[in-house]
Amino acid sequence: MKLNKDNFIKTVDGDFTIYKYNCNDTGFFLELVGNNENRNINVFKGSLDDRQELKTTKDTLEAWNYFETLLV
């Protein structure tokens, strides 16, 4: 799946890095919490206040694969 780079918004706040991708009026999120081996990656759609289909992992590849699954 090819994603449009212009649809990504990156926000950094301390130990949080949030990538939001807008598609068909829906927000899709990759949220990185922490650093290095202590980092968790939350993947979900909806909004930061309404996290739908949330998955948490430490594996980057698993997170990206789930992110793409949500977009389908």
N, C-alpha and C. Protein backbone atom coordinates (compact mmCIF):
# COMPACT_ATOMS: atom_id res chain seq x y z
N MET A 1 0.85 -1.18 0.00
CA MET A 1 0.00 0.00 0.00
C MET A 1 0.89 1.23 0.00
N LYS A 2 0.58 2.18 -0.86
CA LYS A 2 1.34 3.42 -0.93
C LYS A 2 0.56 4.52 -0.22
N LEU A 3 1.20 5.13 0.77
CA LEU A 3 0.57 6.20 1.54
C LEU A 3 1.05 7.54 1.04
N ASN A 4 0.19 8.53 1.12
CA ASN A 4 0.52 9.88 0.70
C ASN A 4 1.21 10.61 1.86
N LYS A 5 2.47 10.95 1.66
CA LYS A 5 3.27 11.61 2.69
C LYS A 5 2.61 12.88 3.21
N ASP A 6 1.92 13.61 2.34
CA ASP A 6 1.29 14.87 2.73
C ASP A 6 0.13 14.67 3.71
N ASN A 7 -0.39 13.44 3.83
CA ASN A 7 -1.50 13.17 4.75
C ASN A 7 -1.02 12.85 6.17
N PHE A 8 0.30 12.76 6.38
CA PHE A 8 0.85 12.49 7.70
C PHE A 8 1.11 13.79 8.45
N ILE A 9 0.78 13.78 9.73
CA ILE A 9 1.10 14.89 10.64
C ILE A 9 1.89 14.29 11.80
N LYS A 10 3.08 14.83 12.07
CA LYS A 10 3.93 14.33 13.16
C LYS A 10 3.92 15.34 14.29
N THR A 11 3.68 14.84 15.51
CA THR A 11 3.70 15.68 16.70
C THR A 11 4.63 15.04 17.72
N VAL A 12 5.56 15.82 18.27
CA VAL A 12 6.47 15.32 19.30
C VAL A 12 6.23 16.13 20.57
N ASP A 13 6.03 15.39 21.70
CA ASP A 13 5.80 16.03 22.99
C ASP A 13 6.49 15.18 24.06
N GLY A 14 7.71 15.54 24.43
CA GLY A 14 8.45 14.78 25.43
C GLY A 14 8.75 13.37 24.93
N ASP A 15 8.30 12.36 25.67
CA ASP A 15 8.52 10.96 25.30
C ASP A 15 7.47 10.42 24.34
N PHE A 16 6.57 11.27 23.87
CA PHE A 16 5.51 10.86 22.95
C PHE A 16 5.80 11.39 21.55
N THR A 17 5.70 10.52 20.56
CA THR A 17 5.73 10.92 19.16
C THR A 17 4.47 10.34 18.53
N ILE A 18 3.68 11.19 17.93
CA ILE A 18 2.41 10.76 17.34
C ILE A 18 2.41 11.07 15.86
N TYR A 19 2.11 10.03 15.08
CA TYR A 19 1.93 10.17 13.64
C TYR A 19 0.45 9.98 13.36
N LYS A 20 -0.16 10.99 12.76
CA LYS A 20 -1.58 10.90 12.40
C LYS A 20 -1.66 10.90 10.89
N TYR A 21 -2.47 9.99 10.37
CA TYR A 21 -2.69 9.90 8.93
C TYR A 21 -4.17 10.06 8.67
N ASN A 22 -4.53 11.02 7.82
CA ASN A 22 -5.93 11.25 7.48
C ASN A 22 -6.28 10.56 6.18
N CYS A 23 -7.37 9.81 6.19
CA CYS A 23 -7.83 9.12 5.00
C CYS A 23 -9.35 8.97 5.08
N ASN A 24 -10.05 9.47 4.07
CA ASN A 24 -11.51 9.37 4.02
C ASN A 24 -12.16 9.90 5.30
N ASP A 25 -11.72 11.05 5.76
CA ASP A 25 -12.25 11.72 6.96
C ASP A 25 -12.09 10.90 8.23
N THR A 26 -11.13 9.98 8.27
CA THR A 26 -10.84 9.19 9.46
C THR A 26 -9.37 9.37 9.81
N GLY A 27 -9.10 9.49 11.11
CA GLY A 27 -7.74 9.60 11.59
C GLY A 27 -7.19 8.23 11.97
N PHE A 28 -5.97 7.95 11.53
CA PHE A 28 -5.27 6.72 11.87
C PHE A 28 -3.98 7.13 12.57
N PHE A 29 -3.65 6.44 13.67
CA PHE A 29 -2.56 6.90 14.52
C PHE A 29 -1.52 5.83 14.79
N LEU A 30 -0.27 6.27 14.83
CA LEU A 30 0.86 5.51 15.38
C LEU A 30 1.41 6.38 16.50
N GLU A 31 1.34 5.90 17.71
CA GLU A 31 1.79 6.67 18.87
C GLU A 31 2.97 5.93 19.51
N LEU A 32 4.13 6.56 19.53
CA LEU A 32 5.32 5.98 20.14
C LEU A 32 5.47 6.57 21.52
N VAL A 33 5.53 5.69 22.53
CA VAL A 33 5.63 6.11 23.91
C VAL A 33 6.92 5.55 24.49
N GLY A 34 7.83 6.43 24.90
CA GLY A 34 9.11 5.99 25.45
C GLY A 34 10.19 5.95 24.39
N ASN A 35 11.32 5.35 24.76
CA ASN A 35 12.47 5.31 23.87
C ASN A 35 13.10 3.92 23.85
N ASN A 36 13.73 3.60 22.73
CA ASN A 36 14.50 2.38 22.55
C ASN A 36 13.73 1.13 22.96
N GLU A 37 14.34 0.24 23.76
CA GLU A 37 13.68 -1.02 24.10
C GLU A 37 12.53 -0.84 25.09
N ASN A 38 12.42 0.32 25.72
CA ASN A 38 11.31 0.60 26.63
C ASN A 38 10.11 1.21 25.92
N ARG A 39 10.19 1.32 24.60
CA ARG A 39 9.15 1.99 23.82
C ARG A 39 7.97 1.06 23.55
N ASN A 40 6.77 1.60 23.67
CA ASN A 40 5.54 0.93 23.23
C ASN A 40 4.99 1.70 22.05
N ILE A 41 4.38 0.98 21.13
CA ILE A 41 3.76 1.60 19.96
C ILE A 41 2.28 1.29 20.01
N ASN A 42 1.47 2.34 20.07
CA ASN A 42 0.01 2.20 20.04
C ASN A 42 -0.46 2.53 18.63
N VAL A 43 -1.28 1.65 18.07
CA VAL A 43 -1.83 1.85 16.73
C VAL A 43 -3.34 1.79 16.87
N PHE A 44 -4.02 2.81 16.31
CA PHE A 44 -5.47 2.86 16.43
C PHE A 44 -6.05 3.82 15.41
N LYS A 45 -7.36 3.80 15.29
CA LYS A 45 -8.05 4.78 14.45
C LYS A 45 -9.03 5.53 15.32
N GLY A 46 -9.57 6.61 14.79
CA GLY A 46 -10.50 7.44 15.55
C GLY A 46 -9.85 8.75 15.92
N SER A 47 -9.61 8.93 17.22
CA SER A 47 -8.97 10.14 17.71
C SER A 47 -8.19 9.80 18.97
N LEU A 48 -7.42 10.76 19.46
CA LEU A 48 -6.66 10.53 20.68
C LEU A 48 -7.58 10.30 21.88
N ASP A 49 -8.78 10.86 21.84
CA ASP A 49 -9.75 10.69 22.92
C ASP A 49 -10.65 9.47 22.72
N ASP A 50 -10.78 9.00 21.49
CA ASP A 50 -11.65 7.86 21.16
C ASP A 50 -10.84 6.86 20.33
N ARG A 51 -10.06 6.03 21.02
CA ARG A 51 -9.14 5.09 20.36
C ARG A 51 -9.90 3.81 20.00
N GLN A 52 -10.11 3.62 18.72
CA GLN A 52 -10.84 2.46 18.22
C GLN A 52 -9.86 1.43 17.67
N GLU A 53 -10.12 0.16 17.96
CA GLU A 53 -9.30 -0.95 17.46
C GLU A 53 -7.83 -0.81 17.87
N LEU A 54 -7.61 -0.43 19.12
CA LEU A 54 -6.27 -0.18 19.67
C LEU A 54 -5.46 -1.47 19.74
N LYS A 55 -4.22 -1.39 19.28
CA LYS A 55 -3.24 -2.48 19.43
C LYS A 55 -1.96 -1.85 19.96
N THR A 56 -1.36 -2.49 20.98
CA THR A 56 -0.11 -2.03 21.55
C THR A 56 0.95 -3.11 21.35
N THR A 57 2.11 -2.69 20.87
CA THR A 57 3.20 -3.62 20.61
C THR A 57 4.53 -2.91 20.81
N LYS A 58 5.59 -3.67 20.88
CA LYS A 58 6.94 -3.12 20.91
C LYS A 58 7.62 -3.32 19.55
N ASP A 59 7.00 -4.10 18.67
CA ASP A 59 7.57 -4.48 17.38
C ASP A 59 7.15 -3.49 16.30
N THR A 60 8.12 -2.80 15.70
CA THR A 60 7.85 -1.79 14.68
C THR A 60 7.16 -2.38 13.46
N LEU A 61 7.63 -3.51 12.97
CA LEU A 61 7.03 -4.13 11.79
C LEU A 61 5.59 -4.54 12.06
N GLU A 62 5.34 -5.11 13.23
CA GLU A 62 3.97 -5.49 13.60
C GLU A 62 3.07 -4.27 13.64
N ALA A 63 3.58 -3.17 14.19
CA ALA A 63 2.81 -1.92 14.27
C ALA A 63 2.45 -1.40 12.88
N TRP A 64 3.42 -1.35 11.95
CA TRP A 64 3.15 -0.86 10.60
C TRP A 64 2.19 -1.77 9.85
N ASN A 65 2.35 -3.09 10.04
CA ASN A 65 1.43 -4.02 9.38
C ASN A 65 0.00 -3.83 9.88
N TYR A 66 -0.16 -3.63 11.18
CA TYR A 66 -1.50 -3.40 11.73
C TYR A 66 -2.05 -2.06 11.24
N PHE A 67 -1.19 -1.05 11.19
CA PHE A 67 -1.59 0.26 10.69
C PHE A 67 -2.16 0.14 9.27
N GLU A 68 -1.47 -0.59 8.41
CA GLU A 68 -1.95 -0.78 7.04
C GLU A 68 -3.24 -1.58 7.00
N THR A 69 -3.39 -2.54 7.90
CA THR A 69 -4.63 -3.32 7.99
C THR A 69 -5.81 -2.42 8.34
N LEU A 70 -5.60 -1.48 9.24
CA LEU A 70 -6.68 -0.55 9.61
C LEU A 70 -7.11 0.31 8.43
N LEU A 71 -6.17 0.63 7.54
CA LEU A 71 -6.48 1.49 6.41
C LEU A 71 -7.32 0.80 5.33
N VAL A 72 -7.32 -0.52 5.32
CA VAL A 72 -8.03 -1.25 4.26
C VAL A 72 -9.53 -1.14 4.44
